């Protein structure tokens, strides 16, 4: 394992998440890049899972022109939203801004960001007609983490920004400035 990738993975594991975010390692895809590491998370409020996501760090020491670098973050977030929001024409743009604002707020330097925001509405009919309408927001994104002056990618900041994106998408209020949330412990499910 190349040392830059080993250091980046160690930094990913050092990320601190809000207590509502239950985060653990998951198998990473093997065919996208020579090296990969992945985390998955669920956002749980009052014992109910209200959102889910994953973040994958890819590394190709030879570089990738599309990435504009040798590393790439790939993230996914899905959350239930109020069905009335699904018709808001600004929802997708706002969803994308949640990602870029979270990266900026955590000081996660990045380049070549791209992705999609998908709105899904479900209505039931016939024998299922009494079920309430549901709606989901899905965000799929990728970006290239940029090294700081010390040569670090600052992957903890990228993972923490992804965790904030999860919380924002499910509608949790931001942690007030000057207040530190007690972080969750990694791997809580297995304990």
N, C-alpha and C. Protein backbone atom coordinates (compact mmCIF):
# COMPACT_ATOMS: atom_id res chain seq x y z
N UNK A 1 0.86 -1.19 0.00
CA UNK A 1 0.00 0.00 0.00
C UNK A 1 0.89 1.24 0.00
N UNK A 2 0.69 2.15 -0.96
CA UNK A 2 1.52 3.37 -1.00
C UNK A 2 1.34 4.21 0.27
N UNK A 3 2.42 4.79 0.75
CA UNK A 3 2.37 5.58 1.98
C UNK A 3 1.37 6.73 1.92
N UNK A 4 1.27 7.48 0.81
CA UNK A 4 0.27 8.56 0.78
C UNK A 4 -1.16 8.04 0.98
N UNK A 5 -1.46 6.88 0.43
CA UNK A 5 -2.79 6.30 0.60
C UNK A 5 -2.98 5.83 2.04
N UNK A 6 -1.96 5.19 2.60
CA UNK A 6 -2.04 4.72 4.00
C UNK A 6 -2.31 5.91 4.94
N UNK A 7 -1.61 7.02 4.72
CA UNK A 7 -1.80 8.21 5.56
C UNK A 7 -3.20 8.78 5.38
N UNK A 8 -3.69 8.81 4.15
CA UNK A 8 -5.03 9.35 3.88
C UNK A 8 -6.11 8.49 4.55
N UNK A 9 -5.96 7.18 4.51
CA UNK A 9 -6.93 6.29 5.16
C UNK A 9 -6.89 6.47 6.67
N UNK A 10 -5.71 6.58 7.24
CA UNK A 10 -5.60 6.82 8.69
C UNK A 10 -6.30 8.12 9.06
N UNK A 11 -6.16 9.14 8.23
CA UNK A 11 -6.81 10.42 8.48
C UNK A 11 -8.34 10.29 8.34
N UNK A 12 -8.81 9.51 7.37
CA UNK A 12 -10.26 9.26 7.24
C UNK A 12 -10.81 8.67 8.53
N UNK A 13 -10.09 7.71 9.07
CA UNK A 13 -10.53 7.02 10.30
C UNK A 13 -10.53 7.93 11.51
N UNK A 14 -9.78 9.03 11.45
CA UNK A 14 -9.70 9.97 12.57
C UNK A 14 -10.84 10.99 12.58
N UNK A 15 -11.67 10.98 11.55
CA UNK A 15 -12.76 11.95 11.46
C UNK A 15 -13.71 11.80 12.65
N UNK A 16 -14.22 12.94 13.11
CA UNK A 16 -15.15 12.96 14.24
C UNK A 16 -16.54 13.30 13.70
N UNK A 17 -17.50 12.47 14.07
CA UNK A 17 -18.87 12.64 13.58
C UNK A 17 -19.80 13.03 14.72
N UNK A 18 -20.93 13.64 14.35
CA UNK A 18 -21.97 13.95 15.33
C UNK A 18 -22.52 12.63 15.88
N UNK A 19 -23.11 12.66 17.08
CA UNK A 19 -23.60 11.43 17.69
C UNK A 19 -24.71 10.75 16.88
N UNK A 20 -25.42 11.50 16.04
CA UNK A 20 -26.49 10.90 15.24
C UNK A 20 -25.96 10.08 14.07
N UNK A 21 -24.67 10.21 13.76
CA UNK A 21 -24.08 9.54 12.62
C UNK A 21 -23.33 8.30 13.09
N UNK A 22 -23.83 7.15 12.69
CA UNK A 22 -23.19 5.88 13.03
C UNK A 22 -22.37 5.45 11.82
N UNK A 23 -21.06 5.51 11.94
CA UNK A 23 -20.15 5.33 10.81
C UNK A 23 -19.29 4.10 11.03
N UNK A 24 -19.06 3.36 9.94
CA UNK A 24 -18.19 2.18 10.01
C UNK A 24 -17.54 1.94 8.67
N UNK A 25 -16.46 1.17 8.69
CA UNK A 25 -15.79 0.82 7.44
C UNK A 25 -16.64 -0.19 6.68
N UNK A 26 -16.52 -0.14 5.36
CA UNK A 26 -17.21 -1.08 4.50
C UNK A 26 -16.25 -1.50 3.39
N UNK A 27 -16.54 -2.61 2.72
CA UNK A 27 -15.67 -2.99 1.60
C UNK A 27 -15.71 -1.92 0.51
N UNK A 28 -14.56 -1.62 -0.03
CA UNK A 28 -14.47 -0.62 -1.10
C UNK A 28 -14.50 -1.31 -2.46
N UNK A 29 -14.99 -0.61 -3.48
CA UNK A 29 -14.96 -1.19 -4.83
C UNK A 29 -13.53 -1.46 -5.25
N UNK A 30 -13.30 -2.55 -5.94
CA UNK A 30 -11.94 -2.97 -6.28
C UNK A 30 -11.53 -2.65 -7.70
N UNK A 31 -12.44 -2.29 -8.58
CA UNK A 31 -12.09 -2.16 -9.99
C UNK A 31 -11.99 -0.72 -10.48
N UNK A 32 -12.29 0.24 -9.63
CA UNK A 32 -12.28 1.63 -10.07
C UNK A 32 -10.87 2.22 -10.02
N UNK A 33 -10.11 1.83 -9.00
CA UNK A 33 -8.75 2.35 -8.82
C UNK A 33 -7.91 1.27 -8.14
N UNK A 34 -6.58 1.36 -8.29
CA UNK A 34 -5.73 0.35 -7.64
C UNK A 34 -5.90 0.29 -6.13
N UNK A 35 -6.22 1.43 -5.49
CA UNK A 35 -6.36 1.47 -4.04
C UNK A 35 -7.67 2.18 -3.69
N UNK A 36 -8.40 1.65 -2.72
CA UNK A 36 -9.67 2.26 -2.31
C UNK A 36 -9.97 1.92 -0.86
N UNK A 37 -10.62 2.84 -0.19
CA UNK A 37 -11.10 2.65 1.17
C UNK A 37 -12.47 3.30 1.27
N UNK A 38 -13.37 2.71 2.07
CA UNK A 38 -14.74 3.23 2.10
C UNK A 38 -15.32 3.20 3.51
N UNK A 39 -16.20 4.16 3.75
CA UNK A 39 -16.97 4.24 4.99
C UNK A 39 -18.45 4.32 4.62
N UNK A 40 -19.29 3.74 5.48
CA UNK A 40 -20.74 3.91 5.32
C UNK A 40 -21.26 4.50 6.62
N UNK A 41 -22.42 5.15 6.52
CA UNK A 41 -23.00 5.76 7.72
C UNK A 41 -24.51 5.79 7.60
N UNK A 42 -25.14 5.71 8.75
CA UNK A 42 -26.57 5.93 8.87
C UNK A 42 -26.76 7.06 9.87
N UNK A 43 -27.74 7.91 9.60
CA UNK A 43 -28.11 8.96 10.54
C UNK A 43 -29.35 8.45 11.27
N UNK A 44 -29.25 8.38 12.59
CA UNK A 44 -30.32 7.85 13.42
C UNK A 44 -30.80 8.92 14.39
N UNK A 45 -32.11 9.15 14.38
CA UNK A 45 -32.72 10.11 15.29
C UNK A 45 -33.84 9.40 16.04
N UNK A 46 -33.78 9.42 17.36
CA UNK A 46 -34.78 8.76 18.21
C UNK A 46 -34.99 7.30 17.81
N UNK A 47 -33.87 6.62 17.51
CA UNK A 47 -33.93 5.19 17.19
C UNK A 47 -34.37 4.86 15.77
N UNK A 48 -34.59 5.87 14.94
CA UNK A 48 -35.04 5.64 13.57
C UNK A 48 -33.97 6.10 12.59
N UNK A 49 -33.62 5.24 11.63
CA UNK A 49 -32.69 5.63 10.58
C UNK A 49 -33.40 6.58 9.63
N UNK A 50 -32.86 7.78 9.47
CA UNK A 50 -33.50 8.79 8.62
C UNK A 50 -32.66 9.15 7.39
N UNK A 51 -31.44 8.63 7.32
CA UNK A 51 -30.60 8.89 6.17
C UNK A 51 -29.44 7.91 6.14
N UNK A 52 -28.86 7.76 4.97
CA UNK A 52 -27.74 6.84 4.81
C UNK A 52 -26.77 7.39 3.80
N UNK A 53 -25.56 6.90 3.83
CA UNK A 53 -24.58 7.36 2.86
C UNK A 53 -23.30 6.55 2.91
N UNK A 54 -22.44 6.88 1.96
CA UNK A 54 -21.11 6.25 1.94
C UNK A 54 -20.14 7.22 1.29
N UNK A 55 -18.89 7.08 1.67
CA UNK A 55 -17.82 7.87 1.07
C UNK A 55 -16.67 6.92 0.76
N UNK A 56 -16.13 7.07 -0.43
CA UNK A 56 -15.06 6.19 -0.89
C UNK A 56 -13.87 7.06 -1.28
N UNK A 57 -12.70 6.66 -0.84
CA UNK A 57 -11.46 7.32 -1.25
C UNK A 57 -10.77 6.41 -2.25
N UNK A 58 -10.55 6.93 -3.45
CA UNK A 58 -9.86 6.19 -4.51
C UNK A 58 -8.46 6.76 -4.67
N UNK A 59 -7.50 5.88 -5.01
CA UNK A 59 -6.14 6.34 -5.24
C UNK A 59 -5.55 5.57 -6.42
N UNK A 60 -5.05 6.33 -7.38
CA UNK A 60 -4.32 5.77 -8.51
C UNK A 60 -2.99 6.52 -8.59
N UNK A 61 -1.89 5.89 -8.14
CA UNK A 61 -0.60 6.59 -8.13
C UNK A 61 -0.20 7.13 -9.50
N UNK A 62 -0.72 6.54 -10.59
CA UNK A 62 -0.39 7.00 -11.93
C UNK A 62 -1.18 8.26 -12.30
N UNK A 63 -2.15 8.61 -11.49
CA UNK A 63 -2.98 9.78 -11.76
C UNK A 63 -4.12 9.44 -12.71
N UNK A 64 -5.06 10.35 -12.77
CA UNK A 64 -6.22 10.19 -13.63
C UNK A 64 -6.60 11.58 -14.13
N UNK A 65 -6.59 11.78 -15.44
CA UNK A 65 -6.87 13.11 -16.00
C UNK A 65 -8.24 13.63 -15.58
N UNK A 66 -9.24 12.75 -15.53
CA UNK A 66 -10.59 13.18 -15.15
C UNK A 66 -10.63 13.64 -13.69
N UNK A 67 -9.78 13.07 -12.85
CA UNK A 67 -9.75 13.44 -11.44
C UNK A 67 -8.95 14.72 -11.22
N UNK A 68 -8.05 15.02 -12.12
CA UNK A 68 -7.10 16.12 -11.94
C UNK A 68 -6.20 15.85 -10.73
N UNK A 69 -5.83 14.58 -10.55
CA UNK A 69 -4.97 14.21 -9.43
C UNK A 69 -4.85 12.71 -9.30
N UNK A 70 -4.31 12.28 -8.17
CA UNK A 70 -4.12 10.85 -7.93
C UNK A 70 -5.13 10.30 -6.92
N UNK A 71 -5.90 11.17 -6.28
CA UNK A 71 -6.93 10.76 -5.32
C UNK A 71 -8.28 11.27 -5.80
N UNK A 72 -9.34 10.60 -5.38
CA UNK A 72 -10.70 11.04 -5.69
C UNK A 72 -11.62 10.58 -4.57
N UNK A 73 -12.49 11.46 -4.10
CA UNK A 73 -13.54 11.12 -3.15
C UNK A 73 -14.82 10.90 -3.94
N UNK A 74 -15.54 9.86 -3.61
CA UNK A 74 -16.84 9.58 -4.22
C UNK A 74 -17.82 9.42 -3.06
N UNK A 75 -18.91 10.19 -3.08
CA UNK A 75 -19.84 10.18 -1.95
C UNK A 75 -21.27 9.99 -2.43
N UNK A 76 -22.06 9.41 -1.55
CA UNK A 76 -23.48 9.18 -1.80
C UNK A 76 -24.22 9.49 -0.51
N UNK A 77 -25.36 10.18 -0.64
CA UNK A 77 -26.22 10.49 0.51
C UNK A 77 -27.67 10.30 0.06
N UNK A 78 -28.47 9.65 0.90
CA UNK A 78 -29.91 9.50 0.62
C UNK A 78 -30.67 9.76 1.91
N UNK A 79 -31.75 10.55 1.78
CA UNK A 79 -32.55 10.87 2.96
C UNK A 79 -34.01 11.04 2.57
N UNK A 80 -34.87 10.70 3.52
CA UNK A 80 -36.30 10.97 3.36
C UNK A 80 -36.50 12.47 3.55
N UNK A 81 -37.35 13.07 2.72
CA UNK A 81 -37.67 14.48 2.87
C UNK A 81 -39.18 14.65 2.84
N UNK A 82 -39.63 15.81 3.23
CA UNK A 82 -41.05 16.13 3.19
C UNK A 82 -41.52 16.09 1.73
N UNK A 83 -42.57 15.31 1.42
CA UNK A 83 -43.03 15.22 0.03
C UNK A 83 -43.38 16.57 -0.60
N UNK A 84 -43.74 17.55 0.20
CA UNK A 84 -44.06 18.87 -0.35
C UNK A 84 -42.82 19.56 -0.92
N UNK A 85 -41.63 19.19 -0.44
CA UNK A 85 -40.40 19.81 -0.92
C UNK A 85 -40.00 19.34 -2.32
N UNK A 86 -40.52 18.20 -2.73
CA UNK A 86 -40.07 17.57 -3.97
C UNK A 86 -40.32 18.45 -5.19
N UNK A 87 -41.33 19.30 -5.13
CA UNK A 87 -41.65 20.15 -6.28
C UNK A 87 -40.91 21.48 -6.26
N UNK A 88 -40.15 21.75 -5.24
CA UNK A 88 -39.40 23.01 -5.15
C UNK A 88 -38.33 23.03 -6.25
N UNK A 89 -38.40 23.97 -7.19
CA UNK A 89 -37.43 23.98 -8.29
C UNK A 89 -36.00 24.24 -7.84
N UNK A 90 -35.81 24.75 -6.63
CA UNK A 90 -34.47 25.04 -6.13
C UNK A 90 -33.87 23.90 -5.32
N UNK A 91 -34.65 22.83 -5.09
CA UNK A 91 -34.19 21.75 -4.21
C UNK A 91 -32.86 21.15 -4.65
N UNK A 92 -32.69 20.85 -5.92
CA UNK A 92 -31.44 20.24 -6.38
C UNK A 92 -30.26 21.18 -6.18
N UNK A 93 -30.42 22.45 -6.55
CA UNK A 93 -29.33 23.41 -6.38
C UNK A 93 -28.98 23.60 -4.91
N UNK A 94 -30.00 23.64 -4.07
CA UNK A 94 -29.76 23.77 -2.63
C UNK A 94 -29.04 22.52 -2.10
N UNK A 95 -29.48 21.34 -2.54
CA UNK A 95 -28.82 20.10 -2.13
C UNK A 95 -27.35 20.09 -2.49
N UNK A 96 -27.03 20.55 -3.70
CA UNK A 96 -25.62 20.61 -4.12
C UNK A 96 -24.86 21.62 -3.26
N UNK A 97 -25.49 22.75 -2.94
CA UNK A 97 -24.80 23.76 -2.13
C UNK A 97 -24.50 23.22 -0.73
N UNK A 98 -25.33 22.30 -0.22
CA UNK A 98 -25.03 21.71 1.09
C UNK A 98 -23.68 21.01 1.07
N UNK A 99 -23.36 20.34 -0.04
CA UNK A 99 -22.07 19.67 -0.15
C UNK A 99 -20.93 20.69 -0.18
N UNK A 100 -21.00 21.64 -1.08
CA UNK A 100 -19.88 22.58 -1.22
C UNK A 100 -19.71 23.44 0.03
N UNK A 101 -20.82 23.81 0.66
CA UNK A 101 -20.72 24.59 1.90
C UNK A 101 -20.11 23.77 3.03
N UNK A 102 -20.45 22.48 3.11
CA UNK A 102 -19.87 21.62 4.14
C UNK A 102 -18.37 21.45 3.92
N UNK A 103 -17.95 21.23 2.68
CA UNK A 103 -16.52 21.11 2.39
C UNK A 103 -15.79 22.39 2.76
N UNK A 104 -16.36 23.53 2.37
CA UNK A 104 -15.73 24.81 2.69
C UNK A 104 -15.68 25.06 4.20
N UNK A 105 -16.78 24.76 4.90
CA UNK A 105 -16.84 25.00 6.34
C UNK A 105 -15.83 24.17 7.12
N UNK A 106 -15.50 22.99 6.59
CA UNK A 106 -14.55 22.11 7.28
C UNK A 106 -13.12 22.32 6.79
N UNK A 107 -12.94 23.27 5.88
CA UNK A 107 -11.59 23.53 5.38
C UNK A 107 -11.05 22.41 4.52
N UNK A 108 -11.93 21.67 3.87
CA UNK A 108 -11.54 20.56 3.00
C UNK A 108 -11.26 21.11 1.60
N UNK A 109 -10.01 21.24 1.24
CA UNK A 109 -9.65 21.77 -0.07
C UNK A 109 -9.96 20.73 -1.14
N UNK A 110 -10.57 21.18 -2.24
CA UNK A 110 -10.98 20.24 -3.28
C UNK A 110 -10.96 20.90 -4.65
N UNK A 111 -10.99 20.06 -5.68
CA UNK A 111 -11.05 20.51 -7.07
C UNK A 111 -11.93 19.53 -7.84
N UNK A 112 -12.32 19.93 -9.03
CA UNK A 112 -13.02 19.07 -9.99
C UNK A 112 -14.26 18.39 -9.39
N UNK A 113 -15.06 19.15 -8.65
CA UNK A 113 -16.28 18.58 -8.07
C UNK A 113 -17.32 18.36 -9.17
N UNK A 114 -18.02 17.24 -9.08
CA UNK A 114 -19.11 16.96 -10.02
C UNK A 114 -20.09 16.04 -9.34
N UNK A 115 -21.32 16.00 -9.86
CA UNK A 115 -22.29 15.10 -9.27
C UNK A 115 -23.70 15.39 -9.71
N UNK A 116 -24.63 14.70 -9.05
CA UNK A 116 -26.05 14.84 -9.35
C UNK A 116 -26.84 14.90 -8.06
N UNK A 117 -28.00 15.54 -8.15
CA UNK A 117 -28.97 15.54 -7.06
C UNK A 117 -30.27 15.03 -7.67
N UNK A 118 -30.82 13.98 -7.08
CA UNK A 118 -32.02 13.34 -7.60
C UNK A 118 -33.14 13.43 -6.58
N UNK A 119 -34.32 13.80 -7.07
CA UNK A 119 -35.52 13.85 -6.23
C UNK A 119 -36.41 12.68 -6.66
N UNK A 120 -36.92 11.94 -5.66
CA UNK A 120 -37.78 10.80 -5.94
C UNK A 120 -39.06 10.94 -5.12
N UNK A 121 -40.21 10.90 -5.79
CA UNK A 121 -41.51 10.96 -5.11
C UNK A 121 -42.24 9.66 -5.33
N UNK A 122 -42.88 9.15 -4.28
CA UNK A 122 -43.64 7.91 -4.37
C UNK A 122 -45.05 8.14 -3.85
N UNK A 123 -46.04 7.78 -4.67
CA UNK A 123 -47.44 7.84 -4.26
C UNK A 123 -48.03 6.46 -4.46
N UNK A 124 -48.91 6.04 -3.57
CA UNK A 124 -49.50 4.71 -3.61
C UNK A 124 -50.95 4.77 -4.08
N UNK A 125 -51.38 3.71 -4.77
CA UNK A 125 -52.72 3.65 -5.33
C UNK A 125 -53.32 2.26 -5.11
N UNK A 126 -54.62 2.14 -5.39
CA UNK A 126 -55.31 0.87 -5.26
C UNK A 126 -55.29 0.37 -3.84
N UNK A 127 -54.94 -0.90 -3.66
CA UNK A 127 -54.90 -1.51 -2.34
C UNK A 127 -53.90 -0.87 -1.40
N UNK A 128 -52.98 -0.09 -1.95
CA UNK A 128 -51.97 0.60 -1.13
C UNK A 128 -52.29 2.09 -1.01
N UNK A 129 -53.48 2.49 -1.47
CA UNK A 129 -53.83 3.90 -1.55
C UNK A 129 -53.85 4.64 -0.22
N UNK A 130 -53.95 3.92 0.88
CA UNK A 130 -53.98 4.61 2.17
C UNK A 130 -52.58 4.90 2.73
N UNK A 131 -51.54 4.45 2.02
CA UNK A 131 -50.18 4.74 2.47
C UNK A 131 -49.82 6.18 2.09
N UNK A 132 -49.12 6.84 2.99
CA UNK A 132 -48.74 8.23 2.76
C UNK A 132 -47.70 8.34 1.65
N UNK A 133 -47.74 9.45 0.95
CA UNK A 133 -46.72 9.74 -0.06
C UNK A 133 -45.36 9.90 0.63
N UNK A 134 -44.31 9.50 -0.05
CA UNK A 134 -42.97 9.65 0.48
C UNK A 134 -42.10 10.34 -0.57
N UNK A 135 -41.00 10.89 -0.12
CA UNK A 135 -40.05 11.54 -1.02
C UNK A 135 -38.64 11.34 -0.48
N UNK A 136 -37.71 11.23 -1.40
CA UNK A 136 -36.30 11.08 -1.04
C UNK A 136 -35.45 12.02 -1.87
N UNK A 137 -34.34 12.41 -1.28
CA UNK A 137 -33.33 13.19 -1.97
C UNK A 137 -32.06 12.35 -1.98
N UNK A 138 -31.46 12.21 -3.17
CA UNK A 138 -30.20 11.49 -3.30
C UNK A 138 -29.16 12.41 -3.91
N UNK A 139 -28.00 12.43 -3.31
CA UNK A 139 -26.90 13.22 -3.83
C UNK A 139 -25.74 12.27 -4.10
N UNK A 140 -25.24 12.31 -5.32
CA UNK A 140 -24.06 11.54 -5.71
C UNK A 140 -23.03 12.55 -6.17
N UNK A 141 -21.84 12.48 -5.59
CA UNK A 141 -20.83 13.49 -5.90
C UNK A 141 -19.44 12.89 -5.88
N UNK A 142 -18.55 13.55 -6.59
CA UNK A 142 -17.14 13.20 -6.49
C UNK A 142 -16.32 14.48 -6.57
N UNK A 143 -15.17 14.45 -5.95
CA UNK A 143 -14.26 15.61 -5.96
C UNK A 143 -12.86 15.12 -5.67
N UNK A 144 -11.90 15.93 -6.04
CA UNK A 144 -10.50 15.60 -5.83
C UNK A 144 -10.00 16.36 -4.60
N UNK A 145 -9.59 15.64 -3.55
CA UNK A 145 -9.01 16.34 -2.40
C UNK A 145 -7.65 16.93 -2.79
N UNK A 146 -7.41 18.16 -2.36
CA UNK A 146 -6.19 18.88 -2.72
C UNK A 146 -5.26 18.93 -1.51
N UNK A 147 -4.00 18.62 -1.73
CA UNK A 147 -3.01 18.63 -0.66
C UNK A 147 -2.79 20.03 -0.11
N UNK A 148 -2.54 20.11 1.21
CA UNK A 148 -2.17 21.39 1.81
C UNK A 148 -0.66 21.58 1.70
N UNK A 149 -0.14 22.64 2.33
CA UNK A 149 1.29 22.94 2.26
C UNK A 149 2.15 21.81 2.80
N UNK A 150 1.62 21.04 3.76
CA UNK A 150 2.38 19.96 4.37
C UNK A 150 2.27 18.66 3.58
N UNK A 151 1.54 18.68 2.47
CA UNK A 151 1.38 17.47 1.66
C UNK A 151 0.26 16.56 2.14
N UNK A 152 -0.53 17.01 3.11
CA UNK A 152 -1.64 16.22 3.63
C UNK A 152 -2.91 16.52 2.83
N UNK A 153 -3.73 15.48 2.63
CA UNK A 153 -5.01 15.67 1.97
C UNK A 153 -6.08 16.17 2.94
N UNK A 154 -5.83 16.05 4.23
CA UNK A 154 -6.82 16.47 5.21
C UNK A 154 -8.10 15.66 5.10
N UNK A 155 -7.97 14.35 4.96
CA UNK A 155 -9.15 13.50 4.72
C UNK A 155 -10.14 13.52 5.87
N UNK A 156 -9.70 13.78 7.09
CA UNK A 156 -10.66 13.88 8.20
C UNK A 156 -11.66 15.00 7.91
N UNK A 157 -11.19 16.12 7.38
CA UNK A 157 -12.08 17.24 7.05
C UNK A 157 -13.07 16.85 5.95
N UNK A 158 -12.64 16.08 4.97
CA UNK A 158 -13.53 15.64 3.90
C UNK A 158 -14.61 14.71 4.44
N UNK A 159 -14.21 13.79 5.30
CA UNK A 159 -15.18 12.86 5.89
C UNK A 159 -16.14 13.60 6.82
N UNK A 160 -15.63 14.54 7.60
CA UNK A 160 -16.50 15.32 8.49
C UNK A 160 -17.48 16.17 7.68
N UNK A 161 -17.05 16.71 6.55
CA UNK A 161 -17.95 17.46 5.68
C UNK A 161 -19.05 16.56 5.13
N UNK A 162 -18.69 15.34 4.73
CA UNK A 162 -19.67 14.36 4.27
C UNK A 162 -20.66 14.05 5.40
N UNK A 163 -20.18 13.90 6.62
CA UNK A 163 -21.06 13.66 7.76
C UNK A 163 -22.01 14.83 7.98
N UNK A 164 -21.50 16.05 7.82
CA UNK A 164 -22.37 17.23 7.95
C UNK A 164 -23.41 17.24 6.83
N UNK A 165 -23.01 16.87 5.62
CA UNK A 165 -23.95 16.78 4.51
C UNK A 165 -25.07 15.80 4.83
N UNK A 166 -24.73 14.66 5.40
CA UNK A 166 -25.75 13.68 5.82
C UNK A 166 -26.75 14.32 6.78
N UNK A 167 -26.22 15.01 7.78
CA UNK A 167 -27.09 15.61 8.80
C UNK A 167 -27.95 16.73 8.22
N UNK A 168 -27.39 17.54 7.35
CA UNK A 168 -28.16 18.62 6.73
C UNK A 168 -29.27 18.04 5.86
N UNK A 169 -28.95 17.01 5.10
CA UNK A 169 -29.93 16.41 4.18
C UNK A 169 -31.12 15.84 4.92
N UNK A 170 -30.91 15.26 6.11
CA UNK A 170 -32.03 14.70 6.87
C UNK A 170 -32.76 15.77 7.67
N UNK A 171 -32.25 17.00 7.65
CA UNK A 171 -32.95 18.10 8.32
C UNK A 171 -32.51 18.39 9.73
N UNK A 172 -31.38 17.83 10.17
CA UNK A 172 -30.89 18.16 11.51
C UNK A 172 -30.36 19.58 11.52
N UNK A 173 -30.62 20.32 12.57
CA UNK A 173 -30.09 21.69 12.63
C UNK A 173 -28.57 21.65 12.80
N UNK A 174 -27.88 22.67 12.30
CA UNK A 174 -26.43 22.69 12.47
C UNK A 174 -26.07 22.83 13.94
N UNK A 175 -24.89 22.33 14.27
CA UNK A 175 -24.38 22.51 15.63
C UNK A 175 -24.02 23.98 15.77
N UNK A 176 -24.54 24.67 16.80
CA UNK A 176 -24.26 26.11 16.95
C UNK A 176 -22.77 26.39 17.04
N UNK A 177 -22.36 27.53 16.49
CA UNK A 177 -20.97 27.92 16.53
C UNK A 177 -20.52 28.02 17.99
N UNK A 178 -19.34 27.49 18.26
CA UNK A 178 -18.80 27.51 19.61
C UNK A 178 -19.20 26.30 20.44
N UNK A 179 -20.11 25.47 19.91
CA UNK A 179 -20.53 24.25 20.60
C UNK A 179 -19.93 23.07 19.87
N UNK A 180 -19.39 22.13 20.62
CA UNK A 180 -18.83 20.93 20.03
C UNK A 180 -19.74 19.76 20.35
N UNK A 181 -20.21 19.08 19.31
CA UNK A 181 -21.05 17.89 19.51
C UNK A 181 -20.16 16.77 20.01
N UNK A 182 -20.68 15.98 20.93
CA UNK A 182 -19.95 14.81 21.38
C UNK A 182 -19.96 13.81 20.23
N UNK A 183 -18.78 13.45 19.70
CA UNK A 183 -18.73 12.61 18.50
C UNK A 183 -19.19 11.18 18.79
N UNK A 184 -19.64 10.54 17.71
CA UNK A 184 -20.00 9.13 17.82
C UNK A 184 -18.72 8.31 17.81
N UNK A 185 -18.83 7.08 18.25
CA UNK A 185 -17.69 6.17 18.23
C UNK A 185 -17.80 5.31 16.99
N UNK A 186 -16.71 5.15 16.31
CA UNK A 186 -16.70 4.35 15.09
C UNK A 186 -17.05 2.90 15.42
N UNK A 187 -17.73 2.24 14.51
CA UNK A 187 -18.03 0.83 14.68
C UNK A 187 -19.03 0.54 15.78
N UNK A 188 -19.93 1.45 16.09
CA UNK A 188 -20.86 1.26 17.19
C UNK A 188 -21.73 0.03 17.01
N UNK A 189 -22.04 -0.30 15.77
CA UNK A 189 -22.97 -1.41 15.54
C UNK A 189 -22.44 -2.74 16.05
N UNK A 190 -21.13 -2.93 15.96
CA UNK A 190 -20.56 -4.20 16.35
C UNK A 190 -20.37 -4.35 17.84
N UNK A 191 -20.69 -3.33 18.63
CA UNK A 191 -20.43 -3.40 20.07
C UNK A 191 -21.68 -3.72 20.85
